Amino acid sequence: MKFSPCISGKCTEGGTHCEGCGRSHEEIAETKQLVGAMVKFAQKMGYDNHEDFVNFVGKSILKKLQNPS
């Protein structure tokens, strides 16, 4: 399955899937929860270099997806 990001201003809440991005509302909700948890963690740690943190997490996730152990 290919990931489709949200399209600003095109999101819908009716039915089982968003008409803007085509993802299920369940998938969107879980993604929002994961992002929220990462934001809370960064805030709790008091990181000032937000971009470095986000880039590190993104690269780490990509590496693990490309090289599953």
PDB file of N, CA and C in Angstrom:
ATOM      1  N   MET A   1       0.855  -1.177   0.000  1.00  0.00           N
ATOM      2  CA  MET A   1       0.000   0.000   0.000  1.00  0.00           C
ATOM      3  C   MET A   1       0.897   1.234   0.000  1.00  0.00           C
ATOM      4  N   LYS A   2       0.506   2.237  -0.734  1.00  0.00           N
ATOM      5  CA  LYS A   2       1.266   3.481  -0.806  1.00  0.00           C
ATOM      6  C   LYS A   2       0.639   4.515   0.130  1.00  0.00           C
ATOM      7  N   PHE A   3       1.493   5.215   0.896  1.00  0.00           N
ATOM      8  CA  PHE A   3       1.030   6.269   1.797  1.00  0.00           C
ATOM      9  C   PHE A   3       0.639   7.499   0.990  1.00  0.00           C
ATOM     10  N   SER A   4      -0.488   8.088   1.347  1.00  0.00           N
ATOM     11  CA  SER A   4      -0.943   9.344   0.748  1.00  0.00           C
ATOM     12  C   SER A   4      -1.111  10.371   1.856  1.00  0.00           C
ATOM     13  N   PRO A   5      -0.322  11.449   1.828  1.00  0.00           N
ATOM     14  CA  PRO A   5      -0.454  12.466   2.870  1.00  0.00           C
ATOM     15  C   PRO A   5      -1.761  13.240   2.733  1.00  0.00           C
ATOM     16  N   CYS A   6      -2.156  13.868   3.815  1.00  0.00           N
ATOM     17  CA  CYS A   6      -3.352  14.710   3.798  1.00  0.00           C
ATOM     18  C   CYS A   6      -3.156  15.849   2.805  1.00  0.00           C
ATOM     19  N   ILE A   7      -4.245  16.251   2.185  1.00  0.00           N
ATOM     20  CA  ILE A   7      -4.234  17.382   1.262  1.00  0.00           C
ATOM     21  C   ILE A   7      -4.982  18.515   1.956  1.00  0.00           C
ATOM     22  N   SER A   8      -4.262  19.564   2.290  1.00  0.00           N
ATOM     23  CA  SER A   8      -4.837  20.671   3.046  1.00  0.00           C
ATOM     24  C   SER A   8      -6.136  21.167   2.418  1.00  0.00           C
ATOM     25  N   GLY A   9      -7.178  21.230   3.240  1.00  0.00           N
ATOM     26  CA  GLY A   9      -8.466  21.739   2.799  1.00  0.00           C
ATOM     27  C   GLY A   9      -9.353  20.724   2.101  1.00  0.00           C
ATOM     28  N   LYS A  10      -8.866  19.506   1.893  1.00  0.00           N
ATOM     29  CA  LYS A  10      -9.631  18.483   1.175  1.00  0.00           C
ATOM     30  C   LYS A  10     -10.111  17.358   2.089  1.00  0.00           C
ATOM     31  N   CYS A  11      -9.791  17.430   3.377  1.00  0.00           N
ATOM     32  CA  CYS A  11     -10.145  16.355   4.309  1.00  0.00           C
ATOM     33  C   CYS A  11     -11.657  16.263   4.507  1.00  0.00           C
ATOM     34  N   THR A  12     -12.138  15.032   4.606  1.00  0.00           N
ATOM     35  CA  THR A  12     -13.550  14.790   4.893  1.00  0.00           C
ATOM     36  C   THR A  12     -13.646  13.831   6.068  1.00  0.00           C
ATOM     37  N   GLU A  13     -14.744  13.898   6.795  1.00  0.00           N
ATOM     38  CA  GLU A  13     -14.916  13.037   7.960  1.00  0.00           C
ATOM     39  C   GLU A  13     -16.015  12.003   7.786  1.00  0.00           C
ATOM     40  N   GLY A  14     -16.798  12.080   6.734  1.00  0.00           N
ATOM     41  CA  GLY A  14     -17.875  11.126   6.516  1.00  0.00           C
ATOM     42  C   GLY A  14     -17.357   9.823   5.937  1.00  0.00           C
ATOM     43  N   GLY A  15     -18.137   8.766   6.112  1.00  0.00           N
ATOM     44  CA  GLY A  15     -17.771   7.465   5.564  1.00  0.00           C
ATOM     45  C   GLY A  15     -16.599   6.844   6.294  1.00  0.00           C
ATOM     46  N   THR A  16     -15.982   5.884   5.657  1.00  0.00           N
ATOM     47  CA  THR A  16     -14.869   5.174   6.289  1.00  0.00           C
ATOM     48  C   THR A  16     -13.518   5.746   5.902  1.00  0.00           C
ATOM     49  N   HIS A  17     -13.471   6.481   4.775  1.00  0.00           N
ATOM     50  CA  HIS A  17     -12.209   7.007   4.274  1.00  0.00           C
ATOM     51  C   HIS A  17     -12.329   8.497   3.956  1.00  0.00           C
ATOM     52  N   CYS A  18     -11.220   9.195   4.096  1.00  0.00           N
ATOM     53  CA  CYS A  18     -11.150  10.613   3.731  1.00  0.00           C
ATOM     54  C   CYS A  18     -11.179  10.711   2.209  1.00  0.00           C
ATOM     55  N   GLU A  19     -11.988  11.600   1.696  1.00  0.00           N
ATOM     56  CA  GLU A  19     -12.062  11.773   0.246  1.00  0.00           C
ATOM     57  C   GLU A  19     -10.877  12.580  -0.284  1.00  0.00           C
ATOM     58  N   GLY A  20     -10.158  13.264   0.599  1.00  0.00           N
ATOM     59  CA  GLY A  20      -8.992  14.043   0.170  1.00  0.00           C
ATOM     60  C   GLY A  20      -7.772  13.182  -0.091  1.00  0.00           C
ATOM     61  N   CYS A  21      -7.402  12.345   0.883  1.00  0.00           N
ATOM     62  CA  CYS A  21      -6.186  11.535   0.752  1.00  0.00           C
ATOM     63  C   CYS A  21      -6.476  10.059   0.490  1.00  0.00           C
ATOM     64  N   GLY A  22      -7.709   9.627   0.756  1.00  0.00           N
ATOM     65  CA  GLY A  22      -8.074   8.235   0.522  1.00  0.00           C
ATOM     66  C   GLY A  22      -7.750   7.286   1.658  1.00  0.00           C
ATOM     67  N   ARG A  23      -7.128   7.809   2.724  1.00  0.00           N
ATOM     68  CA  ARG A  23      -6.793   6.939   3.859  1.00  0.00           C
ATOM     69  C   ARG A  23      -8.022   6.728   4.733  1.00  0.00           C
ATOM     70  N   SER A  24      -8.017   5.615   5.471  1.00  0.00           N
ATOM     71  CA  SER A  24      -9.129   5.357   6.382  1.00  0.00           C
ATOM     72  C   SER A  24      -9.051   6.333   7.549  1.00  0.00           C
ATOM     73  N   HIS A  25     -10.199   6.622   8.120  1.00  0.00           N
ATOM     74  CA  HIS A  25     -10.213   7.524   9.279  1.00  0.00           C
ATOM     75  C   HIS A  25      -9.486   6.887  10.458  1.00  0.00           C
ATOM     76  N   GLU A  26      -9.488   5.563  10.530  1.00  0.00           N
ATOM     77  CA  GLU A  26      -8.745   4.855  11.579  1.00  0.00           C
ATOM     78  C   GLU A  26      -7.240   5.091  11.409  1.00  0.00           C
ATOM     79  N   GLU A  27      -6.749   4.969  10.183  1.00  0.00           N
ATOM     80  CA  GLU A  27      -5.328   5.204   9.914  1.00  0.00           C
ATOM     81  C   GLU A  27      -4.941   6.642  10.252  1.00  0.00           C
ATOM     82  N   ILE A  28      -5.778   7.582   9.863  1.00  0.00           N
ATOM     83  CA  ILE A  28      -5.509   8.998  10.140  1.00  0.00           C
ATOM     84  C   ILE A  28      -5.454   9.244  11.645  1.00  0.00           C
ATOM     85  N   ALA A  29      -6.391   8.658  12.387  1.00  0.00           N
ATOM     86  CA  ALA A  29      -6.429   8.836  13.844  1.00  0.00           C
ATOM     87  C   ALA A  29      -5.181   8.248  14.500  1.00  0.00           C
ATOM     88  N   GLU A  30      -4.757   7.065  14.056  1.00  0.00           N
ATOM     89  CA  GLU A  30      -3.557   6.447  14.632  1.00  0.00           C
ATOM     90  C   GLU A  30      -2.315   7.266  14.311  1.00  0.00           C
ATOM     91  N   THR A  31      -2.240   7.802  13.098  1.00  0.00           N
ATOM     92  CA  THR A  31      -1.103   8.631  12.721  1.00  0.00           C
ATOM     93  C   THR A  31      -1.060   9.896  13.575  1.00  0.00           C
ATOM     94  N   LYS A  32      -2.217  10.519  13.778  1.00  0.00           N
ATOM     95  CA  LYS A  32      -2.281  11.716  14.630  1.00  0.00           C
ATOM     96  C   LYS A  32      -1.822  11.396  16.045  1.00  0.00           C
ATOM     97  N   GLN A  33      -2.194  10.214  16.552  1.00  0.00           N
ATOM     98  CA  GLN A  33      -1.790   9.816  17.898  1.00  0.00           C
ATOM     99  C   GLN A  33      -0.271   9.649  17.977  1.00  0.00           C
ATOM    100  N   LEU A  34       0.320   9.003  16.970  1.00  0.00           N
ATOM    101  CA  LEU A  34       1.774   8.821  16.944  1.00  0.00           C
ATOM    102  C   LEU A  34       2.497  10.161  16.887  1.00  0.00           C
ATOM    103  N   VAL A  35       2.038  11.051  16.034  1.00  0.00           N
ATOM    104  CA  VAL A  35       2.660  12.377  15.915  1.00  0.00           C
ATOM    105  C   VAL A  35       2.521  13.136  17.232  1.00  0.00           C
ATOM    106  N   GLY A  36       1.339  13.085  17.824  1.00  0.00           N
ATOM    107  CA  GLY A  36       1.116  13.756  19.108  1.00  0.00           C
ATOM    108  C   GLY A  36       2.031  13.232  20.193  1.00  0.00           C
ATOM    109  N   ALA A  37       2.245  11.917  20.215  1.00  0.00           N
ATOM    110  CA  ALA A  37       3.135  11.318  21.214  1.00  0.00           C
ATOM    111  C   ALA A  37       4.573  11.787  21.011  1.00  0.00           C
ATOM    112  N   MET A  38       4.998  11.900  19.761  1.00  0.00           N
ATOM    113  CA  MET A  38       6.357  12.375  19.494  1.00  0.00           C
ATOM    114  C   MET A  38       6.512  13.845  19.882  1.00  0.00           C
ATOM    115  N   VAL A  39       5.496  14.649  19.633  1.00  0.00           N
ATOM    116  CA  VAL A  39       5.535  16.062  20.023  1.00  0.00           C
ATOM    117  C   VAL A  39       5.625  16.178  21.542  1.00  0.00           C
ATOM    118  N   LYS A  40       4.796  15.424  22.253  1.00  0.00           N
ATOM    119  CA  LYS A  40       4.825  15.461  23.723  1.00  0.00           C
ATOM    120  C   LYS A  40       6.187  15.037  24.252  1.00  0.00           C
ATOM    121  N   PHE A  41       6.777  14.006  23.641  1.00  0.00           N
ATOM    122  CA  PHE A  41       8.092  13.539  24.073  1.00  0.00           C
ATOM    123  C   PHE A  41       9.140  14.635  23.888  1.00  0.00           C
ATOM    124  N   ALA A  42       9.158  15.266  22.712  1.00  0.00           N
ATOM    125  CA  ALA A  42      10.134  16.325  22.444  1.00  0.00           C
ATOM    126  C   ALA A  42       9.948  17.497  23.403  1.00  0.00           C
ATOM    127  N   GLN A  43       8.694  17.828  23.705  1.00  0.00           N
ATOM    128  CA  GLN A  43       8.420  18.905  24.655  1.00  0.00           C
ATOM    129  C   GLN A  43       8.869  18.521  26.058  1.00  0.00           C
ATOM    130  N   LYS A  44       8.613  17.285  26.444  1.00  0.00           N
ATOM    131  CA  LYS A  44       9.019  16.807  27.774  1.00  0.00           C
ATOM    132  C   LYS A  44      10.539  16.852  27.926  1.00  0.00           C
ATOM    133  N   MET A  45      11.250  16.515  26.850  1.00  0.00           N
ATOM    134  CA  MET A  45      12.711  16.524  26.874  1.00  0.00           C
ATOM    135  C   MET A  45      13.262  17.945  26.817  1.00  0.00           C
ATOM    136  N   GLY A  46      12.437  18.889  26.386  1.00  0.00           N
ATOM    137  CA  GLY A  46      12.866  20.280  26.301  1.00  0.00           C
ATOM    138  C   GLY A  46      13.802  20.564  25.142  1.00  0.00           C
ATOM    139  N   TYR A  47      13.682  19.799  24.070  1.00  0.00           N
ATOM    140  CA  TYR A  47      14.551  20.006  22.910  1.00  0.00           C
ATOM    141  C   TYR A  47      14.324  21.385  22.300  1.00  0.00           C
ATOM    142  N   ASP A  48      15.413  22.076  22.016  1.00  0.00           N
ATOM    143  CA  ASP A  48      15.346  23.365  21.328  1.00  0.00           C
ATOM    144  C   ASP A  48      15.536  23.187  19.821  1.00  0.00           C
ATOM    145  N   ASN A  49      16.216  22.111  19.442  1.00  0.00           N
ATOM    146  CA  ASN A  49      16.533  21.859  18.030  1.00  0.00           C
ATOM    147  C   ASN A  49      15.514  20.884  17.433  1.00  0.00           C
ATOM    148  N   HIS A  50      14.310  21.392  17.231  1.00  0.00           N
ATOM    149  CA  HIS A  50      13.199  20.563  16.753  1.00  0.00           C
ATOM    150  C   HIS A  50      13.493  19.892  15.420  1.00  0.00           C
ATOM    151  N   GLU A  51      14.085  20.624  14.497  1.00  0.00           N
ATOM    152  CA  GLU A  51      14.353  20.055  13.175  1.00  0.00           C
ATOM    153  C   GLU A  51      15.317  18.881  13.257  1.00  0.00           C
ATOM    154  N   ASP A  52      16.339  18.982  14.113  1.00  0.00           N
ATOM    155  CA  ASP A  52      17.284  17.875  14.269  1.00  0.00           C
ATOM    156  C   ASP A  52      16.580  16.638  14.821  1.00  0.00           C
ATOM    157  N   PHE A  53      15.708  16.834  15.793  1.00  0.00           N
ATOM    158  CA  PHE A  53      14.969  15.715  16.383  1.00  0.00           C
ATOM    159  C   PHE A  53      14.079  15.050  15.336  1.00  0.00           C
ATOM    160  N   VAL A  54      13.311  15.851  14.603  1.00  0.00           N
ATOM    161  CA  VAL A  54      12.392  15.311  13.596  1.00  0.00           C
ATOM    162  C   VAL A  54      13.168  14.594  12.493  1.00  0.00           C
ATOM    163  N   ASN A  55      14.268  15.181  12.041  1.00  0.00           N
ATOM    164  CA  ASN A  55      15.078  14.543  11.001  1.00  0.00           C
ATOM    165  C   ASN A  55      15.664  13.226  11.484  1.00  0.00           C
ATOM    166  N   PHE A  56      16.134  13.187  12.727  1.00  0.00           N
ATOM    167  CA  PHE A  56      16.688  11.957  13.292  1.00  0.00           C
ATOM    168  C   PHE A  56      15.633  10.864  13.362  1.00  0.00           C
ATOM    169  N   VAL A  57      14.460  11.198  13.872  1.00  0.00           N
ATOM    170  CA  VAL A  57      13.381  10.211  13.989  1.00  0.00           C
ATOM    171  C   VAL A  57      12.979   9.705  12.605  1.00  0.00           C
ATOM    172  N   GLY A  58      12.821  10.607  11.657  1.00  0.00           N
ATOM    173  CA  GLY A  58      12.452  10.210  10.300  1.00  0.00           C
ATOM    174  C   GLY A  58      13.479   9.282   9.670  1.00  0.00           C
ATOM    175  N   LYS A  59      14.757   9.620   9.802  1.00  0.00           N
ATOM    176  CA  LYS A  59      15.816   8.779   9.242  1.00  0.00           C
ATOM    177  C   LYS A  59      15.869   7.425   9.935  1.00  0.00           C
ATOM    178  N   SER A  60      15.659   7.417  11.248  1.00  0.00           N
ATOM    179  CA  SER A  60      15.672   6.155  11.997  1.00  0.00           C
ATOM    180  C   SER A  60      14.537   5.239  11.552  1.00  0.00           C
ATOM    181  N   ILE A  61      13.355   5.804  11.378  1.00  0.00           N
ATOM    182  CA  ILE A  61      12.206   5.014  10.934  1.00  0.00           C
ATOM    183  C   ILE A  61      12.461   4.468   9.532  1.00  0.00           C
ATOM    184  N   LEU A  62      12.939   5.314   8.632  1.00  0.00           N
ATOM    185  CA  LEU A  62      13.204   4.886   7.260  1.00  0.00           C
ATOM    186  C   LEU A  62      14.226   3.753   7.228  1.00  0.00           C
ATOM    187  N   LYS A  63      15.294   3.882   8.006  1.00  0.00           N
ATOM    188  CA  LYS A  63      16.334   2.847   8.052  1.00  0.00           C
ATOM    189  C   LYS A  63      15.755   1.519   8.526  1.00  0.00           C
ATOM    190  N   LYS A  64      14.918   1.561   9.558  1.00  0.00           N
ATOM    191  CA  LYS A  64      14.323   0.332  10.088  1.00  0.00           C
ATOM    192  C   LYS A  64      13.325  -0.286   9.104  1.00  0.00           C
ATOM    193  N   LEU A  65      12.610   0.531   8.356  1.00  0.00           N
ATOM    194  CA  LEU A  65      11.678   0.007   7.355  1.00  0.00           C
ATOM    195  C   LEU A  65      12.422  -0.625   6.176  1.00  0.00           C
ATOM    196  N   GLN A  66      13.546  -0.029   5.805  1.00  0.00           N
ATOM    197  CA  GLN A  66      14.317  -0.541   4.674  1.00  0.00           C
ATOM    198  C   GLN A  66      15.168  -1.750   5.040  1.00  0.00           C
ATOM    199  N   ASN A  67      15.514  -1.863   6.323  1.00  0.00           N
ATOM    200  CA  ASN A  67      16.364  -2.966   6.793  1.00  0.00           C
ATOM    201  C   ASN A  67      15.748  -3.624   8.019  1.00  0.00           C
ATOM    202  N   PRO A  68      14.600  -4.270   7.863  1.00  0.00           N
ATOM    203  CA  PRO A  68      13.961  -4.891   9.036  1.00  0.00           C
ATOM    204  C   PRO A  68      14.840  -6.013   9.594  1.00  0.00           C
ATOM    205  N   SER A  69      14.855  -6.110  10.902  1.00  0.00           N
ATOM    206  CA  SER A  69      15.688  -7.161  11.513  1.00  0.00           C
ATOM    207  C   SER A  69      14.864  -8.349  11.918  1.00  0.00           C
TER     208      SER A  69
END
